[in-house]
Amino acid sequence: MTELLFIRHGPTEWNEGGRIQGRSDVPLSDSGRDEVRSWTLPAPFQSWACLCSPLARARETAALLGFDTPQIVDDLQEMHWGEWEGHTLDTLRAIDPEAFRRNEDRGLDFRPAGGESPREVKARLAQWVASLDKEVLPAVIVCHKGVLRAVLSLATGWDMFDDPPEKLREPCAHLYTIQGDSLMVNQLNISLKSSNI
C-alpha cells in the first residue's frame, strides 16, 4: 500500500479567460506563478518523488513547488479537447445549445469534437496506476483538472452524470492510497495555503 498526492497546476491566461486548454501547451500566467509561489506543500509530502504531466503549466508548477527534476509522465496529460481547445464553454454552448446539452448528459462518455472522453482518460489512468513502478512511490502528482476528475471517478465509481461525491477545491491537494491496482480516497482538499493536513 502506498500513496499519491495529486495537485492541479497553477492558473494560466487561458484559465483566467475561461478558455479550454486540453493538450494546448499554455504556460502559467504571471499571476499564476505568483499564486503557486504562495502555496505551501505540507511537510510530509516535500520529500516525496514528483511525477508530472509534460505540459508546461504542470512542469512550471512542479518547479515552483521545489521539484526541479520531476519524472515526466505522458499519461498525466490533460484530457484532449480536440477542436474545442482555445474556446470557452459559453461560446460552444451558444453554437447548438441542445446538442451540447445532450453531449454533457452523456457523463463519462461526453466527447469534445475530435477529442477524448472522460471514460478514456479514466481508462488511461487506471492502466497507468496498474503499471506504476512502486519504487518511485510515494509521489506528488502535478497534473490537470480533467485528470483530477478522472482519478476521483476511478477511486469512487463516480459516473460524472451528477455532481462529484465531494467538490475538489483549489488550491488543494488530494491524497489517494494505492491498494493492488486500485485507488482509494485517503483525504481530499488538503489546503496548499497552510502546512496543516
C-alpha atoms as a PDB file:
ATOM      1  CA  MET A   1       0.000   0.000   0.000  1.00  0.00           C
ATOM      2  CA  THR A   2       1.374   3.421  -0.963  1.00  0.00           C
ATOM      3  CA  GLU A   3       0.151   6.924  -1.657  1.00  0.00           C
ATOM      4  CA  LEU A   4      -0.192   9.506  -4.426  1.00  0.00           C
ATOM      5  CA  LEU A   5      -0.828  13.208  -3.796  1.00  0.00           C
ATOM      6  CA  PHE A   6      -2.499  14.903  -6.789  1.00  0.00           C
ATOM      7  CA  ILE A   7      -2.194  18.660  -7.390  1.00  0.00           C
ATOM      8  CA  ARG A   8      -3.614  20.715 -10.245  1.00  0.00           C
ATOM      9  CA  HIS A   9      -1.259  23.147 -11.969  1.00  0.00           C
ATOM     10  CA  GLY A  10      -1.468  26.872 -11.240  1.00  0.00           C
ATOM     11  CA  PRO A  11      -3.540  29.324 -13.296  1.00  0.00           C
ATOM     12  CA  THR A  12      -2.796  30.269 -16.906  1.00  0.00           C
ATOM     13  CA  GLU A  13      -4.116  33.144 -19.018  1.00  0.00           C
ATOM     14  CA  TRP A  14      -6.472  30.652 -20.671  1.00  0.00           C
ATOM     15  CA  ASN A  15      -7.811  29.587 -17.245  1.00  0.00           C
ATOM     16  CA  GLU A  16      -8.303  33.226 -16.353  1.00  0.00           C
ATOM     17  CA  GLY A  17     -10.192  33.804 -19.631  1.00  0.00           C
ATOM     18  CA  GLY A  18     -12.325  30.664 -19.300  1.00  0.00           C
ATOM     19  CA  ARG A  19     -10.760  29.051 -22.380  1.00  0.00           C
ATOM     20  CA  ILE A  20     -10.476  25.270 -22.698  1.00  0.00           C
ATOM     21  CA  GLN A  21      -6.815  24.204 -22.697  1.00  0.00           C
ATOM     22  CA  GLY A  22      -6.741  20.435 -23.059  1.00  0.00           C
ATOM     23  CA  ARG A  23      -3.462  19.445 -24.699  1.00  0.00           C
ATOM     24  CA  SER A  24      -2.641  23.025 -25.786  1.00  0.00           C
ATOM     25  CA  ASP A  25       0.681  23.815 -24.131  1.00  0.00           C
ATOM     26  CA  VAL A  26      -0.192  27.035 -22.327  1.00  0.00           C
ATOM     27  CA  PRO A  27       2.291  28.262 -19.675  1.00  0.00           C
ATOM     28  CA  LEU A  28       1.373  29.689 -16.289  1.00  0.00           C
ATOM     29  CA  SER A  29       0.403  33.353 -16.319  1.00  0.00           C
ATOM     30  CA  ASP A  30       2.414  35.842 -14.272  1.00  0.00           C
ATOM     31  CA  SER A  31      -0.360  35.894 -11.680  1.00  0.00           C
ATOM     32  CA  GLY A  32      -0.456  32.076 -11.836  1.00  0.00           C
ATOM     33  CA  ARG A  33       3.248  31.915 -10.988  1.00  0.00           C
ATOM     34  CA  ASP A  34       2.668  34.278  -8.063  1.00  0.00           C
ATOM     35  CA  GLU A  35      -0.239  32.100  -6.932  1.00  0.00           C
ATOM     36  CA  VAL A  36       1.854  28.908  -6.949  1.00  0.00           C
ATOM     37  CA  ARG A  37       4.674  30.696  -5.084  1.00  0.00           C
ATOM     38  CA  SER A  38       2.135  31.357  -2.302  1.00  0.00           C
ATOM     39  CA  TRP A  39       1.360  27.643  -1.908  1.00  0.00           C
ATOM     40  CA  THR A  40       2.925  25.521   0.809  1.00  0.00           C
ATOM     41  CA  LEU A  41       3.232  21.807   0.209  1.00  0.00           C
ATOM     42  CA  PRO A  42       2.598  20.161   3.599  1.00  0.00           C
ATOM     43  CA  ALA A  43       5.845  18.915   5.163  1.00  0.00           C
ATOM     44  CA  PRO A  44       5.117  15.168   4.932  1.00  0.00           C
ATOM     45  CA  PHE A  45       4.985  15.422   1.121  1.00  0.00           C
ATOM     46  CA  GLN A  46       8.005  17.650   0.479  1.00  0.00           C
ATOM     47  CA  SER A  47      10.444  14.732   0.364  1.00  0.00           C
ATOM     48  CA  TRP A  48       8.334  12.605  -1.980  1.00  0.00           C
ATOM     49  CA  ALA A  49       9.202  11.989  -5.619  1.00  0.00           C
ATOM     50  CA  CYS A  50       7.329  14.079  -8.183  1.00  0.00           C
ATOM     51  CA  LEU A  51       5.597  12.754 -11.304  1.00  0.00           C
ATOM     52  CA  CYS A  52       4.374  15.397 -13.711  1.00  0.00           C
ATOM     53  CA  SER A  53       2.417  15.980 -16.901  1.00  0.00           C
ATOM     54  CA  PRO A  54       4.666  17.026 -19.804  1.00  0.00           C
ATOM     55  CA  LEU A  55       2.652  20.217 -20.384  1.00  0.00           C
ATOM     56  CA  ALA A  56       4.440  23.464 -19.475  1.00  0.00           C
ATOM     57  CA  ARG A  57       1.864  24.638 -16.924  1.00  0.00           C
ATOM     58  CA  ALA A  58       2.329  21.445 -14.889  1.00  0.00           C
ATOM     59  CA  ARG A  59       6.134  21.434 -15.209  1.00  0.00           C
ATOM     60  CA  GLU A  60       6.305  25.081 -14.100  1.00  0.00           C
ATOM     61  CA  THR A  61       4.062  24.332 -11.126  1.00  0.00           C
ATOM     62  CA  ALA A  62       6.254  21.393 -10.096  1.00  0.00           C
ATOM     63  CA  ALA A  63       9.387  23.552 -10.297  1.00  0.00           C
ATOM     64  CA  LEU A  64       7.788  26.333  -8.238  1.00  0.00           C
ATOM     65  CA  LEU A  65       6.845  23.738  -5.606  1.00  0.00           C
ATOM     66  CA  GLY A  66      10.517  22.762  -5.355  1.00  0.00           C
ATOM     67  CA  PHE A  67      10.606  19.737  -7.666  1.00  0.00           C
ATOM     68  CA  ASP A  68      13.433  20.612 -10.064  1.00  0.00           C
ATOM     69  CA  THR A  69      13.600  17.245 -11.843  1.00  0.00           C
ATOM     70  CA  PRO A  70      10.144  15.672 -11.848  1.00  0.00           C
ATOM     71  CA  GLN A  71       9.615  12.455 -13.766  1.00  0.00           C
ATOM     72  CA  ILE A  72       7.566  13.364 -16.861  1.00  0.00           C
ATOM     73  CA  VAL A  73       4.626  11.027 -17.457  1.00  0.00           C
ATOM     74  CA  ASP A  74       2.636  11.322 -20.707  1.00  0.00           C
ATOM     75  CA  ASP A  75      -0.389   9.581 -19.151  1.00  0.00           C
ATOM     76  CA  LEU A  76      -0.814  12.569 -16.806  1.00  0.00           C
ATOM     77  CA  GLN A  77      -1.645  14.950 -19.685  1.00  0.00           C
ATOM     78  CA  GLU A  78      -4.949  16.772 -19.643  1.00  0.00           C
ATOM     79  CA  MET A  79      -7.991  15.348 -21.416  1.00  0.00           C
ATOM     80  CA  HIS A  80      -7.719  16.036 -25.151  1.00  0.00           C
ATOM     81  CA  TRP A  81     -10.428  18.558 -26.048  1.00  0.00           C
ATOM     82  CA  GLY A  82      -9.838  18.365 -29.805  1.00  0.00           C
ATOM     83  CA  GLU A  83     -11.419  21.149 -31.859  1.00  0.00           C
ATOM     84  CA  TRP A  84     -12.779  22.815 -28.726  1.00  0.00           C
ATOM     85  CA  GLU A  85      -9.389  23.838 -27.359  1.00  0.00           C
ATOM     86  CA  GLY A  86      -8.986  27.607 -27.176  1.00  0.00           C
ATOM     87  CA  HIS A  87     -12.756  28.219 -26.999  1.00  0.00           C
ATOM     88  CA  THR A  88     -14.947  28.958 -23.997  1.00  0.00           C
ATOM     89  CA  LEU A  89     -17.758  26.620 -22.950  1.00  0.00           C
ATOM     90  CA  ASP A  90     -20.226  29.508 -23.311  1.00  0.00           C
ATOM     91  CA  THR A  91     -19.193  30.001 -26.953  1.00  0.00           C
ATOM     92  CA  LEU A  92     -19.523  26.279 -27.686  1.00  0.00           C
ATOM     93  CA  ARG A  93     -22.914  26.048 -25.955  1.00  0.00           C
ATOM     94  CA  ALA A  94     -24.207  29.011 -27.992  1.00  0.00           C
ATOM     95  CA  ILE A  95     -23.471  27.269 -31.325  1.00  0.00           C
ATOM     96  CA  ASP A  96     -26.013  24.480 -30.709  1.00  0.00           C
ATOM     97  CA  PRO A  97     -27.321  24.520 -27.125  1.00  0.00           C
ATOM     98  CA  GLU A  98     -29.426  21.357 -27.468  1.00  0.00           C
ATOM     99  CA  ALA A  99     -26.631  19.252 -28.995  1.00  0.00           C
ATOM    100  CA  PHE A 100     -24.197  20.496 -26.361  1.00  0.00           C
ATOM    101  CA  ARG A 101     -26.617  19.611 -23.535  1.00  0.00           C
ATOM    102  CA  ARG A 102     -27.112  16.099 -24.958  1.00  0.00           C
ATOM    103  CA  ASN A 103     -23.332  15.648 -25.072  1.00  0.00           C
ATOM    104  CA  GLU A 104     -22.936  16.889 -21.472  1.00  0.00           C
ATOM    105  CA  ASP A 105     -25.675  14.469 -20.387  1.00  0.00           C
ATOM    106  CA  ARG A 106     -23.510  11.525 -21.514  1.00  0.00           C
ATOM    107  CA  GLY A 107     -21.440  11.621 -18.293  1.00  0.00           C
ATOM    108  CA  LEU A 108     -18.226   9.648 -18.763  1.00  0.00           C
ATOM    109  CA  ASP A 109     -18.968   9.370 -22.492  1.00  0.00           C
ATOM    110  CA  PHE A 110     -19.079  13.150 -23.056  1.00  0.00           C
ATOM    111  CA  ARG A 111     -16.786  13.825 -26.019  1.00  0.00           C
ATOM    112  CA  PRO A 112     -15.480  17.098 -27.468  1.00  0.00           C
ATOM    113  CA  ALA A 113     -15.278  17.162 -31.279  1.00  0.00           C
ATOM    114  CA  GLY A 114     -12.056  15.359 -32.229  1.00  0.00           C
ATOM    115  CA  GLY A 115     -11.159  14.823 -28.570  1.00  0.00           C
ATOM    116  CA  GLU A 116     -11.121  12.322 -25.748  1.00  0.00           C
ATOM    117  CA  SER A 117     -13.946  11.265 -23.407  1.00  0.00           C
ATOM    118  CA  PRO A 118     -13.607  11.243 -19.607  1.00  0.00           C
ATOM    119  CA  ARG A 119     -14.055   7.449 -19.782  1.00  0.00           C
ATOM    120  CA  GLU A 120     -10.937   7.246 -21.976  1.00  0.00           C
ATOM    121  CA  VAL A 121      -8.997   9.457 -19.546  1.00  0.00           C
ATOM    122  CA  LYS A 122     -10.153   7.224 -16.691  1.00  0.00           C
ATOM    123  CA  ALA A 123      -9.032   4.082 -18.568  1.00  0.00           C
ATOM    124  CA  ARG A 124      -5.664   5.694 -19.350  1.00  0.00           C
ATOM    125  CA  LEU A 125      -5.132   6.492 -15.671  1.00  0.00           C
ATOM    126  CA  ALA A 126      -6.284   3.058 -14.481  1.00  0.00           C
ATOM    127  CA  GLN A 127      -3.709   1.452 -16.765  1.00  0.00           C
ATOM    128  CA  TRP A 128      -1.050   3.890 -15.532  1.00  0.00           C
ATOM    129  CA  VAL A 129      -1.812   3.159 -11.845  1.00  0.00           C
ATOM    130  CA  ALA A 130      -1.638  -0.591 -12.513  1.00  0.00           C
ATOM    131  CA  SER A 131       1.753  -0.217 -14.212  1.00  0.00           C
ATOM    132  CA  LEU A 132       3.324   2.216 -11.706  1.00  0.00           C
ATOM    133  CA  ASP A 133       6.849   1.405 -10.577  1.00  0.00           C
ATOM    134  CA  LYS A 134       6.322   1.138  -6.823  1.00  0.00           C
ATOM    135  CA  GLU A 135       9.997   2.064  -6.326  1.00  0.00           C
ATOM    136  CA  VAL A 136       9.218   5.727  -7.135  1.00  0.00           C
ATOM    137  CA  LEU A 137       6.371   5.932  -4.634  1.00  0.00           C
ATOM    138  CA  PRO A 138       5.018   7.681  -2.674  1.00  0.00           C
ATOM    139  CA  ALA A 139       4.805  10.585  -5.113  1.00  0.00           C
ATOM    140  CA  VAL A 140       3.359  14.032  -5.660  1.00  0.00           C
ATOM    141  CA  ILE A 141       1.496  14.152  -8.996  1.00  0.00           C
ATOM    142  CA  VAL A 142       1.275  17.534 -10.751  1.00  0.00           C
ATOM    143  CA  CYS A 143      -1.442  17.363 -13.390  1.00  0.00           C
ATOM    144  CA  HIS A 144      -4.737  18.836 -14.620  1.00  0.00           C
ATOM    145  CA  LYS A 145      -8.408  19.236 -13.680  1.00  0.00           C
ATOM    146  CA  GLY A 146      -9.555  16.531 -16.108  1.00  0.00           C
ATOM    147  CA  VAL A 147      -7.047  14.121 -14.578  1.00  0.00           C
ATOM    148  CA  LEU A 148      -8.186  15.015 -11.034  1.00  0.00           C
ATOM    149  CA  ARG A 149     -11.807  14.343 -12.019  1.00  0.00           C
ATOM    150  CA  ALA A 150     -10.907  11.033 -13.688  1.00  0.00           C
ATOM    151  CA  VAL A 151      -8.917   9.929 -10.624  1.00  0.00           C
ATOM    152  CA  LEU A 152     -11.883  10.761  -8.372  1.00  0.00           C
ATOM    153  CA  SER A 153     -14.117   8.718 -10.684  1.00  0.00           C
ATOM    154  CA  LEU A 154     -11.636   5.851 -10.640  1.00  0.00           C
ATOM    155  CA  ALA A 155     -11.492   5.824  -6.831  1.00  0.00           C
ATOM    156  CA  THR A 156     -15.201   6.320  -6.096  1.00  0.00           C
ATOM    157  CA  GLY A 157     -17.106   4.997  -9.114  1.00  0.00           C
ATOM    158  CA  TRP A 158     -18.500   8.491  -9.822  1.00  0.00           C
ATOM    159  CA  ASP A 159     -20.124   8.365 -13.290  1.00  0.00           C
ATOM    160  CA  MET A 160     -19.992  12.157 -13.936  1.00  0.00           C
ATOM    161  CA  PHE A 161     -23.760  12.320 -14.525  1.00  0.00           C
ATOM    162  CA  ASP A 162     -24.222  14.290 -11.317  1.00  0.00           C
ATOM    163  CA  ASP A 163     -22.062  16.444  -9.083  1.00  0.00           C
ATOM    164  CA  PRO A 164     -18.925  14.743  -7.756  1.00  0.00           C
ATOM    165  CA  PRO A 165     -19.204  12.951  -4.400  1.00  0.00           C
ATOM    166  CA  GLU A 166     -17.037  15.741  -2.987  1.00  0.00           C
ATOM    167  CA  LYS A 167     -16.122  19.031  -4.679  1.00  0.00           C
ATOM    168  CA  LEU A 168     -12.410  19.262  -5.499  1.00  0.00           C
ATOM    169  CA  ARG A 169     -11.425  22.697  -4.228  1.00  0.00           C
ATOM    170  CA  GLU A 170      -8.458  24.846  -5.264  1.00  0.00           C
ATOM    171  CA  PRO A 171      -5.712  25.342  -4.363  1.00  0.00           C
ATOM    172  CA  CYS A 172      -5.742  21.938  -2.733  1.00  0.00           C
ATOM    173  CA  ALA A 173      -4.024  18.584  -2.947  1.00  0.00           C
ATOM    174  CA  HIS A 174      -5.829  15.247  -2.964  1.00  0.00           C
ATOM    175  CA  LEU A 175      -4.341  12.150  -1.331  1.00  0.00           C
ATOM    176  CA  TYR A 176      -5.106   8.652  -2.626  1.00  0.00           C
ATOM    177  CA  THR A 177      -3.917   5.240  -1.492  1.00  0.00           C
ATOM    178  CA  ILE A 178      -2.983   2.520  -3.977  1.00  0.00           C
ATOM    179  CA  GLN A 179      -4.199  -0.938  -2.967  1.00  0.00           C
ATOM    180  CA  GLY A 180      -3.220  -3.553  -5.521  1.00  0.00           C
ATOM    181  CA  ASP A 181      -4.129  -1.980  -8.863  1.00  0.00           C
ATOM    182  CA  SER A 182      -6.869   0.228  -7.385  1.00  0.00           C
ATOM    183  CA  LEU A 183      -7.039   3.740  -5.955  1.00  0.00           C
ATOM    184  CA  MET A 184      -8.862   4.657  -2.761  1.00  0.00           C
ATOM    185  CA  VAL A 185      -9.576   8.153  -1.466  1.00  0.00           C
ATOM    186  CA  ASN A 186      -7.479   8.933   1.590  1.00  0.00           C
ATOM    187  CA  GLN A 187      -8.043  12.695   2.009  1.00  0.00           C
ATOM    188  CA  LEU A 188      -9.383  15.286  -0.427  1.00  0.00           C
ATOM    189  CA  ASN A 189      -8.949  19.063  -0.346  1.00  0.00           C
ATOM    190  CA  ILE A 190      -5.732  19.374   1.637  1.00  0.00           C
ATOM    191  CA  SER A 191      -5.127  23.125   1.584  1.00  0.00           C
ATOM    192  CA  LEU A 192      -1.964  24.398  -0.062  1.00  0.00           C
ATOM    193  CA  LYS A 193      -2.475  27.717   1.716  1.00  0.00           C
ATOM    194  CA  SER A 194      -1.314  26.241   5.034  1.00  0.00           C
ATOM    195  CA  SER A 195       1.019  23.478   6.170  1.00  0.00           C
ATOM    196  CA  ASN A 196      -1.660  21.612   8.115  1.00  0.00           C
ATOM    197  CA  ILE A 197      -3.022  18.239   6.999  1.00  0.00           C
END
